[in-house]
Amino acid sequence: MNDNIFAPPGSNQGGPTPDEQRRVGDEGSVATDSSPSEAPVHAHPTAATPVQPATAATPAQAPRDPLAPDAQGVISTAEPSHDGAGYEPPEPPQAPPSERPVGRVRKRAVAGIAATALLLGVGGGFGGAWAYDEFFSSTPTVQVATSDPVERAEDSVAAVAASVMPSVVSLEASVGGIGTSTGSGFVIREDGYILTNNHVVEGAQEITVVMSDGTEFEAEVVGATADYDLAVVSIDAQGLAPLTFADSDEVVVGDDTIAVGSPLGLQSTVTTGIVSAVHRPVTAGDSSSTAFIDAIQTDAAINPGNSGGPLLNASGEVIGVNSAIAALPGVSSSSTGSVGLGFAIPSNQAMRTAEQLIETGTATYPVIGVQLDERYTGEGVLVIDDELGVVAGGPADNAGVEPGDVITGIDGRPITHLDKLVVAIRAKAVGDDVVLTIQRDGEELEIRVTLDSSAQVDFQLEDETTEPQE
């Protein structure tokens, strides 16, 4: 028996019988035969029956092939006679081995073998991968996340926000029958002192401080000043975490900023940005209580309700107190939102003023003792050109400033508007020295002036009108 499964059909030993050939042909397959080297299945010569030499055969001994032409070249279509002894039908013509087609049965066998091989290959691949992962691979097992807080880098905004949040509060101020206003503030002393804006608590009959965890305290005003728009309130609490003040004189444009507060009543809101400008002159309030702020400008989103909250640097230190926002022309300040122009009172000024408010309940500001002419439109700012322009015995008078002088700079910073001079002086402390650049009779002078307290300089008023005083 031939063990080669890919051997052509019919190569099995002995070959198919004529009946088997006919059955295969009846099924529509092409009948196959043995190889040319094998003897036909009929009249098999064997060693016991040697082949005799060919002789002239009679019809009974060698019947004619019905498909062979006769002597006249005609092929007979009649069935051959079966009277001849040992007669068997002739086999069909043999095809060369190269032209023998593969039968249907063999094609199915090949497809089955290929499919089996594929399944074995896939199974072996998966099995091998499982065995490798199970016994050899160093791939770590996936862990399911827990409910523990996610850690952040110490210098990330998330880490800074998490560290300062317990120190930032929301203030709800009830103002008579008008309603309740909301602002922000932050802890500056562990014994319950909180810094905020004056306009947040001004005129309030009741003030409630809400901590970041929702705890509420009744608060009372310790001191306030409209000149700097700052106020300090206290609550009955101990062991609070005060925020740290940074040196606002070291702030430069481009520094990162983080604003924390309760804009529109949304507590514990964090926004980020950069320092957009420094020494930005900002006035807030009304004609009776105008605050002059030498502000830090930021593009961090600041909205109504952020007032009084801290403006922080990337380390979480206070560089300013959020106080004002710019409004688009024609838009009411009560209905405006963030347009990327927010302003904060510098931390150095806020810290000095807070200390004064805690100690005395009031705060003063530094002055040079001059009154400025609002009608002047030329370069710099003009000191009123009469006896009221310079306060007798005041700092400017003692330093040699005269009525009619034009101040064009302070400490090397150009002065183009009187608000710039006012906020630059109020950003200083009593006792500080400033250098004024002055134009007088076509000559430029530099005069050093030592600042004094507003409480110590007596400004005289003319016809009960008020001119800007510094």
Protein backbone atom coordinates (compact mmCIF):
# COMPACT_ATOMS: atom_id res chain seq x y z
CA MET A 1 0.00 0.00 0.00
CA ASN A 2 1.30 3.46 -0.86
CA ASP A 3 1.60 5.70 2.29
CA ASN A 4 2.02 8.92 0.33
CA ILE A 5 -1.22 10.86 0.86
CA PHE A 6 -0.35 13.23 -1.97
CA ALA A 7 0.21 10.40 -4.56
CA PRO A 8 -2.08 10.66 -7.59
CA PRO A 9 -5.28 8.61 -7.36
CA GLY A 10 -4.93 5.14 -8.88
CA SER A 11 -1.34 4.59 -7.77
CA ASN A 12 -2.45 2.10 -5.14
CA GLN A 13 -1.13 -1.39 -5.69
CA GLY A 14 -3.14 -3.48 -8.16
CA GLY A 15 -5.20 -0.52 -9.50
CA PRO A 16 -8.99 -0.18 -9.67
CA THR A 17 -11.12 -2.82 -11.31
CA PRO A 18 -13.09 -1.95 -14.44
CA ASP A 19 -16.30 -1.85 -12.40
CA GLU A 20 -14.67 0.62 -9.97
CA GLN A 21 -13.53 2.73 -12.90
CA ARG A 22 -17.04 2.84 -14.27
CA ARG A 23 -18.47 3.80 -10.88
CA VAL A 24 -16.08 6.68 -10.51
CA GLY A 25 -16.93 7.85 -14.01
CA ASP A 26 -20.65 7.64 -13.25
CA GLU A 27 -20.14 10.09 -10.38
CA GLY A 28 -18.72 12.61 -12.77
CA SER A 29 -15.05 12.13 -11.96
CA VAL A 30 -12.37 11.42 -14.51
CA ALA A 31 -11.41 7.74 -14.40
CA THR A 32 -7.79 7.09 -13.53
CA ASP A 33 -5.46 4.24 -14.28
CA SER A 34 -2.29 2.72 -13.14
CA SER A 35 1.10 3.99 -14.11
CA PRO A 36 2.34 3.17 -17.61
CA SER A 37 4.87 0.72 -16.24
CA GLU A 38 2.12 -1.51 -14.86
CA ALA A 39 0.39 -4.20 -16.94
CA PRO A 40 -3.33 -3.85 -17.71
CA VAL A 41 -5.65 -5.27 -15.11
CA HIS A 42 -6.91 -7.93 -17.59
CA ALA A 43 -4.73 -10.70 -19.08
CA HIS A 44 -2.21 -10.23 -16.33
CA PRO A 45 0.99 -12.09 -17.17
CA THR A 46 2.43 -13.96 -14.25
CA ALA A 47 5.43 -16.10 -13.71
CA ALA A 48 3.19 -19.19 -13.77
CA THR A 49 1.72 -18.30 -17.16
CA PRO A 50 4.46 -17.07 -19.44
CA VAL A 51 3.56 -14.80 -22.28
CA GLN A 52 3.20 -16.64 -25.60
CA PRO A 53 4.43 -15.19 -28.87
CA ALA A 54 1.83 -13.27 -30.78
CA THR A 55 0.00 -15.24 -33.51
CA ALA A 56 -2.84 -14.56 -35.86
CA ALA A 57 -5.94 -14.58 -33.72
CA THR A 58 -9.36 -15.72 -34.68
CA PRO A 59 -12.37 -13.56 -33.82
CA ALA A 60 -13.22 -15.92 -31.05
CA GLN A 61 -9.69 -15.75 -29.66
CA ALA A 62 -9.01 -12.00 -30.04
CA PRO A 63 -12.13 -9.96 -30.51
CA ARG A 64 -11.76 -6.73 -32.38
CA ASP A 65 -11.83 -3.46 -30.49
CA PRO A 66 -15.19 -1.96 -31.32
CA LEU A 67 -13.64 1.49 -31.52
CA ALA A 68 -10.86 0.42 -33.86
CA PRO A 69 -11.47 1.11 -37.57
CA ASP A 70 -11.99 -1.85 -39.86
CA ALA A 71 -10.14 -2.48 -43.04
CA GLN A 72 -12.25 0.10 -44.80
CA GLY A 73 -11.50 2.70 -42.04
CA VAL A 74 -15.03 2.59 -40.56
CA ILE A 75 -15.57 2.63 -36.80
CA SER A 76 -18.34 0.30 -35.67
CA THR A 77 -20.84 1.56 -33.13
CA ALA A 78 -22.42 -1.83 -32.42
CA GLU A 79 -21.86 -3.50 -29.11
CA PRO A 80 -19.24 -6.16 -29.32
CA SER A 81 -20.24 -9.79 -28.94
CA HIS A 82 -19.72 -11.37 -25.55
CA ASP A 83 -19.47 -14.81 -27.02
CA GLY A 84 -15.71 -14.77 -27.03
CA ALA A 85 -14.12 -16.69 -24.18
CA GLY A 86 -12.38 -14.51 -21.54
CA TYR A 87 -13.57 -11.34 -23.12
CA GLU A 88 -13.43 -8.18 -21.02
CA PRO A 89 -14.31 -4.63 -22.09
CA PRO A 90 -11.38 -2.46 -23.08
CA GLU A 91 -10.06 0.17 -20.68
CA PRO A 92 -10.32 3.87 -21.55
CA PRO A 93 -7.23 5.58 -23.00
CA GLN A 94 -4.53 6.47 -20.49
CA ALA A 95 -3.59 10.13 -19.85
CA PRO A 96 0.03 11.12 -19.29
CA PRO A 97 0.90 11.54 -15.59
CA SER A 98 1.43 15.29 -15.98
CA GLU A 99 -2.15 15.72 -17.29
CA ARG A 100 -3.95 13.66 -14.69
CA PRO A 101 -6.19 16.00 -12.63
CA VAL A 102 -6.58 15.63 -8.91
CA GLY A 103 -9.96 14.13 -8.07
CA ARG A 104 -12.60 15.61 -5.77
CA VAL A 105 -11.79 13.24 -2.93
CA ARG A 106 -8.14 14.29 -2.83
CA LYS A 107 -8.98 18.01 -2.85
CA ARG A 108 -11.14 17.55 0.22
CA ALA A 109 -8.38 15.66 1.93
CA VAL A 110 -5.86 18.43 1.23
CA ALA A 111 -8.28 21.13 2.54
CA GLY A 112 -8.92 19.14 5.71
CA ILE A 113 -5.25 18.66 6.35
CA ALA A 114 -4.54 22.40 5.82
CA ALA A 115 -7.38 23.39 8.19
CA THR A 116 -6.11 20.97 10.82
CA ALA A 117 -2.61 22.36 10.51
CA LEU A 118 -3.93 25.91 10.87
CA LEU A 119 -5.89 25.05 14.02
CA LEU A 120 -2.90 23.30 15.51
CA GLY A 121 -0.70 26.31 14.68
CA VAL A 122 -3.10 28.84 16.24
CA GLY A 123 -3.63 26.68 19.29
CA GLY A 124 0.07 26.20 19.70
CA GLY A 125 0.66 29.95 19.40
CA PHE A 126 -1.87 30.81 22.07
CA GLY A 127 -0.66 28.01 24.28
CA GLY A 128 2.94 29.12 23.93
CA ALA A 129 2.07 32.74 24.68
CA TRP A 130 0.14 31.69 27.79
CA ALA A 131 3.00 29.51 28.98
CA TYR A 132 5.51 32.33 28.44
CA ASP A 133 3.39 34.91 30.28
CA GLU A 134 2.68 32.46 33.08
CA PHE A 135 6.19 31.21 33.75
CA PHE A 136 8.72 33.50 32.08
CA SER A 137 7.30 37.00 31.39
CA SER A 138 8.17 39.86 33.78
CA THR A 139 5.13 41.95 32.76
CA PRO A 140 3.55 43.35 35.99
CA THR A 141 0.02 42.51 36.92
CA VAL A 142 -2.49 45.34 36.31
CA GLN A 143 -3.68 46.88 39.57
CA VAL A 144 -7.16 48.28 40.13
CA ALA A 145 -7.23 51.95 41.26
CA THR A 146 -8.28 52.61 44.82
CA SER A 147 -10.09 55.57 46.32
CA ASP A 148 -6.92 57.04 47.85
CA PRO A 149 -6.15 60.66 46.78
CA VAL A 150 -3.97 60.97 43.69
CA GLU A 151 -0.60 62.50 44.46
CA ARG A 152 0.65 65.44 42.41
CA ALA A 153 4.07 67.03 42.06
CA GLU A 154 4.78 69.58 44.78
CA ASP A 155 5.13 72.42 42.28
CA SER A 156 1.92 71.60 40.37
CA VAL A 157 -1.17 73.80 40.46
CA ALA A 158 -3.13 70.89 41.92
CA ALA A 159 -0.69 70.56 44.83
CA VAL A 160 -0.67 74.32 45.49
CA ALA A 161 -4.47 74.49 45.38
CA ALA A 162 -4.80 71.57 47.80
CA SER A 163 -2.37 73.18 50.26
CA VAL A 164 -3.95 76.66 50.29
CA MET A 165 -7.62 75.72 50.07
CA PRO A 166 -8.16 75.33 53.85
CA SER A 167 -6.93 78.92 54.29
CA VAL A 168 -9.24 80.54 51.72
CA VAL A 169 -12.76 81.46 52.84
CA SER A 170 -16.02 82.76 51.44
CA LEU A 171 -17.69 85.80 53.04
CA GLU A 172 -21.43 86.50 53.01
CA ALA A 173 -22.23 90.07 54.03
CA SER A 174 -25.80 91.08 54.80
CA VAL A 175 -26.36 94.76 54.08
CA GLY A 176 -29.68 95.81 55.63
CA GLY A 177 -32.63 95.12 53.36
CA ILE A 178 -30.52 95.31 50.22
CA GLY A 179 -29.53 91.65 50.33
CA THR A 180 -26.42 89.57 50.78
CA SER A 181 -23.19 90.04 48.86
CA THR A 182 -20.52 87.39 48.47
CA GLY A 183 -16.78 87.85 48.47
CA SER A 184 -13.58 86.04 49.37
CA GLY A 185 -10.84 86.29 51.96
CA PHE A 186 -7.93 84.36 53.41
CA VAL A 187 -6.43 83.60 56.81
CA ILE A 188 -3.49 85.79 57.82
CA ARG A 189 -3.18 84.73 61.47
CA GLU A 190 -3.83 81.41 63.16
CA ASP A 191 -6.01 83.08 65.83
CA GLY A 192 -8.83 83.89 63.41
CA TYR A 193 -7.82 87.07 61.50
CA ILE A 194 -8.90 87.16 57.86
CA LEU A 195 -7.99 89.70 55.16
CA THR A 196 -10.48 90.79 52.50
CA ASN A 197 -11.53 93.86 50.50
CA ASN A 198 -13.21 96.84 52.14
CA HIS A 199 -15.98 96.86 49.52
CA VAL A 200 -16.91 93.25 50.45
CA VAL A 201 -17.87 94.12 54.04
CA GLU A 202 -18.54 97.85 53.84
CA GLY A 203 -21.85 98.70 55.52
CA ALA A 204 -22.60 95.07 56.45
CA GLN A 205 -24.72 94.36 59.55
CA GLU A 206 -23.89 90.65 59.59
CA ILE A 207 -20.92 88.80 58.17
CA THR A 208 -20.63 85.03 57.87
CA VAL A 209 -17.34 83.32 57.08
CA VAL A 210 -17.60 79.93 55.38
CA MET A 211 -14.50 77.73 55.49
CA SER A 212 -13.56 75.41 52.63
CA ASP A 213 -14.97 72.41 54.52
CA GLY A 214 -18.34 74.15 54.95
CA THR A 215 -17.87 75.22 58.58
CA GLU A 216 -19.47 78.62 59.27
CA PHE A 217 -18.43 81.36 61.69
CA GLU A 218 -19.93 84.72 62.55
CA ALA A 219 -17.36 87.45 61.90
CA GLU A 220 -16.84 91.06 62.96
CA VAL A 221 -14.84 93.84 61.33
CA VAL A 222 -11.55 94.64 63.07
CA GLY A 223 -10.63 97.55 60.79
CA ALA A 224 -11.06 98.81 57.23
CA THR A 225 -9.74 101.47 54.89
CA ALA A 226 -11.29 102.71 51.66
CA ASP A 227 -7.96 104.28 50.64
CA TYR A 228 -6.51 100.83 49.97
CA ASP A 229 -9.79 98.88 49.69
CA LEU A 230 -8.71 96.50 52.45
CA ALA A 231 -10.41 95.19 55.59
CA VAL A 232 -9.65 92.68 58.34
CA VAL A 233 -12.35 90.58 60.01
CA SER A 234 -11.99 88.08 62.85
CA ILE A 235 -13.71 84.82 63.78
CA ASP A 236 -13.69 82.80 67.00
CA ALA A 237 -11.26 80.10 65.90
CA GLN A 238 -7.77 78.95 66.79
CA GLY A 239 -5.12 76.89 65.03
CA LEU A 240 -5.93 78.15 61.54
CA ALA A 241 -3.32 77.91 58.76
CA PRO A 242 -2.30 81.41 57.59
CA LEU A 243 -1.02 81.95 54.06
CA THR A 244 2.52 83.20 53.50
CA PHE A 245 3.15 86.62 51.93
CA ALA A 246 5.74 86.92 49.16
CA ASP A 247 7.71 90.06 48.29
CA SER A 248 5.60 91.73 45.61
CA ASP A 249 8.53 93.94 44.59
CA GLU A 250 10.11 90.80 43.07
CA VAL A 251 7.13 90.02 40.85
CA VAL A 252 7.83 90.38 37.14
CA VAL A 253 5.72 90.16 34.02
CA GLY A 254 5.26 86.55 32.91
CA ASP A 255 5.30 84.98 36.38
CA ASP A 256 2.69 82.26 36.91
CA THR A 257 -0.37 83.23 38.95
CA ILE A 258 -3.10 81.27 40.74
CA ALA A 259 -6.33 82.95 41.88
CA VAL A 260 -8.49 81.27 44.53
CA GLY A 261 -11.89 82.46 45.73
CA SER A 262 -15.66 82.30 45.34
CA PRO A 263 -16.56 83.92 42.00
CA LEU A 264 -20.33 84.27 41.61
CA GLY A 265 -20.73 82.41 44.88
CA LEU A 266 -18.91 79.28 43.62
CA GLN A 267 -16.68 78.44 46.57
CA SER A 268 -13.15 77.08 46.30
CA THR A 269 -12.69 78.03 42.64
CA VAL A 270 -9.15 77.97 41.23
CA THR A 271 -8.04 79.79 38.07
CA THR A 272 -4.58 80.28 36.62
CA GLY A 273 -2.72 82.77 34.45
CA ILE A 274 0.35 84.96 34.43
CA VAL A 275 1.36 88.40 35.59
CA SER A 276 0.32 90.61 32.68
CA ALA A 277 1.71 93.90 34.03
CA VAL A 278 2.99 95.52 37.21
CA HIS A 279 2.56 99.04 38.62
CA ARG A 280 -0.77 99.37 36.85
CA PRO A 281 -2.58 102.43 38.28
CA VAL A 282 -6.13 101.43 39.22
CA THR A 283 -8.79 103.47 40.98
CA ALA A 284 -11.81 101.84 42.58
CA GLY A 285 -14.80 103.03 44.57
CA ASP A 286 -16.65 106.33 44.22
CA SER A 287 -15.77 110.02 44.61
CA SER A 288 -16.21 109.89 48.38
CA SER A 289 -13.99 106.83 48.90
CA THR A 290 -11.60 106.28 46.03
CA ALA A 291 -8.92 103.61 46.34
CA PHE A 292 -5.68 104.14 44.48
CA ILE A 293 -3.96 100.84 43.77
CA ASP A 294 -0.50 100.27 42.31
CA ALA A 295 -1.87 97.01 40.98
CA ILE A 296 -0.53 93.73 39.70
CA GLN A 297 -2.43 92.88 36.53
CA THR A 298 -3.20 89.24 35.69
CA ASP A 299 -5.09 87.34 33.03
CA ALA A 300 -6.22 84.67 35.52
CA ALA A 301 -10.04 84.63 35.42
CA ILE A 302 -11.34 86.95 38.17
CA ASN A 303 -15.06 87.58 38.51
CA PRO A 304 -17.39 89.26 41.04
CA GLY A 305 -16.96 87.27 44.22
CA ASN A 306 -13.20 86.82 43.77
CA SER A 307 -12.73 90.16 45.57
CA GLY A 308 -10.63 89.75 48.68
CA GLY A 309 -9.21 86.38 47.67
CA PRO A 310 -5.50 85.71 47.26
CA LEU A 311 -3.48 85.95 44.08
CA LEU A 312 -0.68 83.40 44.49
CA ASN A 313 2.62 82.66 42.81
CA ALA A 314 3.62 79.17 41.65
CA SER A 315 4.83 78.36 45.18
CA GLY A 316 1.48 79.16 46.77
CA GLU A 317 2.63 82.44 48.34
CA VAL A 318 0.43 85.55 48.32
CA ILE A 319 1.60 88.18 45.85
CA GLY A 320 -1.62 90.20 45.89
CA VAL A 321 -5.23 90.59 47.00
CA ASN A 322 -7.70 90.38 44.11
CA SER A 323 -9.65 93.62 44.11
CA ALA A 324 -10.89 94.79 40.70
CA ILE A 325 -11.62 93.74 37.15
CA ALA A 326 -11.82 95.73 33.94
CA ALA A 327 -15.18 96.12 32.21
CA LEU A 328 -15.82 96.58 28.53
CA PRO A 329 -16.97 100.07 27.51
CA GLY A 330 -20.67 100.54 28.12
CA VAL A 331 -20.95 97.50 30.41
CA SER A 332 -22.03 98.05 34.01
CA SER A 333 -19.51 97.02 36.64
CA SER A 334 -22.24 95.06 38.42
CA SER A 335 -22.88 92.87 35.39
CA THR A 336 -19.37 92.48 34.01
CA GLY A 337 -17.39 89.26 33.94
CA SER A 338 -13.78 88.33 33.37
CA VAL A 339 -12.25 89.75 30.20
CA GLY A 340 -8.74 88.67 31.16
CA LEU A 341 -7.94 91.94 32.96
CA GLY A 342 -7.86 91.44 36.70
CA PHE A 343 -6.08 93.59 39.27
CA ALA A 344 -4.64 92.81 42.70
CA ILE A 345 -3.30 94.94 45.53
CA PRO A 346 0.41 94.08 45.90
CA SER A 347 1.17 91.86 48.88
CA ASN A 348 3.68 94.30 50.42
CA GLN A 349 1.02 96.99 50.60
CA ALA A 350 -1.65 94.57 51.81
CA MET A 351 0.56 93.24 54.60
CA ARG A 352 1.49 96.70 55.91
CA THR A 353 -2.11 97.85 55.83
CA ALA A 354 -3.39 94.67 57.52
CA GLU A 355 -0.95 95.16 60.38
CA GLN A 356 -2.16 98.72 60.85
CA LEU A 357 -5.80 97.67 60.82
CA ILE A 358 -5.21 94.97 63.44
CA GLU A 359 -3.25 97.35 65.68
CA THR A 360 -5.34 100.52 65.41
CA GLY A 361 -8.48 99.73 63.40
CA THR A 362 -7.48 102.37 60.81
CA ALA A 363 -4.74 102.82 58.25
CA THR A 364 -2.89 105.82 56.91
CA TYR A 365 -0.94 106.20 53.70
CA PRO A 366 2.32 107.99 52.81
CA VAL A 367 2.31 111.47 51.16
CA ILE A 368 4.78 114.05 49.89
CA GLY A 369 2.55 117.04 50.72
CA VAL A 370 1.51 118.49 47.32
CA GLN A 371 -1.79 119.12 45.51
CA LEU A 372 -2.00 118.42 41.77
CA ASP A 373 -3.77 120.31 39.01
CA GLU A 374 -6.29 118.03 37.25
CA ARG A 375 -6.69 120.54 34.41
CA TYR A 376 -3.10 120.14 33.22
CA THR A 377 -2.66 118.15 29.98
CA GLY A 378 1.06 118.46 29.26
CA GLU A 379 3.97 116.15 30.03
CA GLY A 380 4.02 114.79 33.57
CA VAL A 381 1.79 116.23 36.34
CA LEU A 382 1.62 119.83 37.51
CA VAL A 383 1.84 120.99 41.11
CA ILE A 384 -0.80 123.72 41.60
CA ASP A 385 0.88 127.00 40.93
CA ASP A 386 -0.10 128.87 44.09
CA GLU A 387 0.47 128.79 47.84
CA LEU A 388 -1.80 125.73 48.20
CA GLY A 389 0.27 123.68 45.77
CA VAL A 390 2.88 122.72 48.36
CA VAL A 391 1.93 122.12 52.03
CA ALA A 392 4.03 124.34 54.22
CA GLY A 393 6.34 122.28 56.43
CA GLY A 394 5.48 119.08 54.57
CA PRO A 395 7.93 116.60 53.02
CA ALA A 396 7.97 118.25 49.56
CA ASP A 397 8.36 121.71 51.01
CA ASN A 398 11.25 120.54 53.16
CA ALA A 399 12.90 118.87 50.12
CA GLY A 400 12.66 121.99 47.90
CA VAL A 401 9.64 121.27 45.67
CA GLU A 402 7.92 124.49 44.55
CA PRO A 403 4.43 125.40 43.24
CA GLY A 404 4.32 125.17 39.43
CA ASP A 405 6.87 122.36 39.26
CA VAL A 406 6.11 119.57 36.77
CA ILE A 407 6.83 116.08 38.11
CA THR A 408 7.84 113.78 35.22
CA GLY A 409 9.19 110.77 37.08
CA ILE A 410 9.53 108.93 40.39
CA ASP A 411 12.40 106.56 41.11
CA GLY A 412 13.17 106.45 37.41
CA ARG A 413 9.61 105.50 36.35
CA PRO A 414 8.01 108.00 33.95
CA ILE A 415 4.86 109.77 35.17
CA THR A 416 2.28 110.52 32.48
CA HIS A 417 -0.85 110.88 34.60
CA LEU A 418 -1.54 112.02 38.15
CA ASP A 419 -2.96 108.57 39.12
CA LYS A 420 0.44 107.08 38.37
CA LEU A 421 2.13 109.40 40.83
CA VAL A 422 -0.52 108.81 43.53
CA VAL A 423 -0.37 105.00 43.37
CA ALA A 424 3.43 105.00 43.18
CA ILE A 425 3.63 107.01 46.41
CA ARG A 426 0.92 105.00 48.21
CA ALA A 427 2.70 101.77 47.36
CA LYS A 428 5.54 102.96 49.60
CA ALA A 429 5.74 103.04 53.39
CA VAL A 430 5.94 106.02 55.70
CA GLY A 431 9.61 106.94 56.09
CA ASP A 432 10.64 105.71 52.64
CA ASP A 433 12.62 107.99 50.36
CA VAL A 434 11.62 108.66 46.75
CA VAL A 435 13.44 110.57 44.01
CA LEU A 436 11.26 112.95 42.00
CA THR A 437 12.28 114.08 38.50
CA ILE A 438 11.11 117.68 38.06
CA GLN A 439 10.96 120.16 35.20
CA ARG A 440 11.34 123.79 36.32
CA ASP A 441 11.90 126.73 34.00
CA GLY A 442 13.31 124.46 31.30
CA GLU A 443 15.67 122.75 33.70
CA GLU A 444 15.44 119.12 34.89
CA LEU A 445 16.03 118.48 38.58
CA GLU A 446 16.08 115.42 40.81
CA ILE A 447 14.82 115.97 44.36
CA ARG A 448 14.82 113.33 47.13
CA VAL A 449 11.75 113.40 49.38
CA THR A 450 11.11 111.44 52.59
CA LEU A 451 7.48 110.31 52.81
CA ASP A 452 5.31 111.19 55.80
CA SER A 453 1.96 109.88 57.04
CA SER A 454 -1.26 111.37 55.70
CA ALA A 455 -2.28 111.85 59.31
CA GLN A 456 0.63 114.22 59.85
CA VAL A 457 0.17 116.49 56.83
CA ASP A 458 -2.55 119.14 56.94
CA PHE A 459 -3.85 119.82 53.45
CA GLN A 460 -5.75 123.11 53.17
CA LEU A 461 -8.81 123.14 50.90
CA GLU A 462 -9.80 126.07 48.67
CA ASP A 463 -13.51 126.88 48.33
CA GLU A 464 -14.35 123.45 49.80
CA THR A 465 -13.18 121.76 46.59
CA THR A 466 -10.89 118.77 46.57
CA GLU A 467 -7.79 118.46 44.44
CA PRO A 468 -5.69 115.27 44.26
CA GLN A 469 -3.42 115.36 47.27
CA GLU A 470 -0.09 113.67 47.71
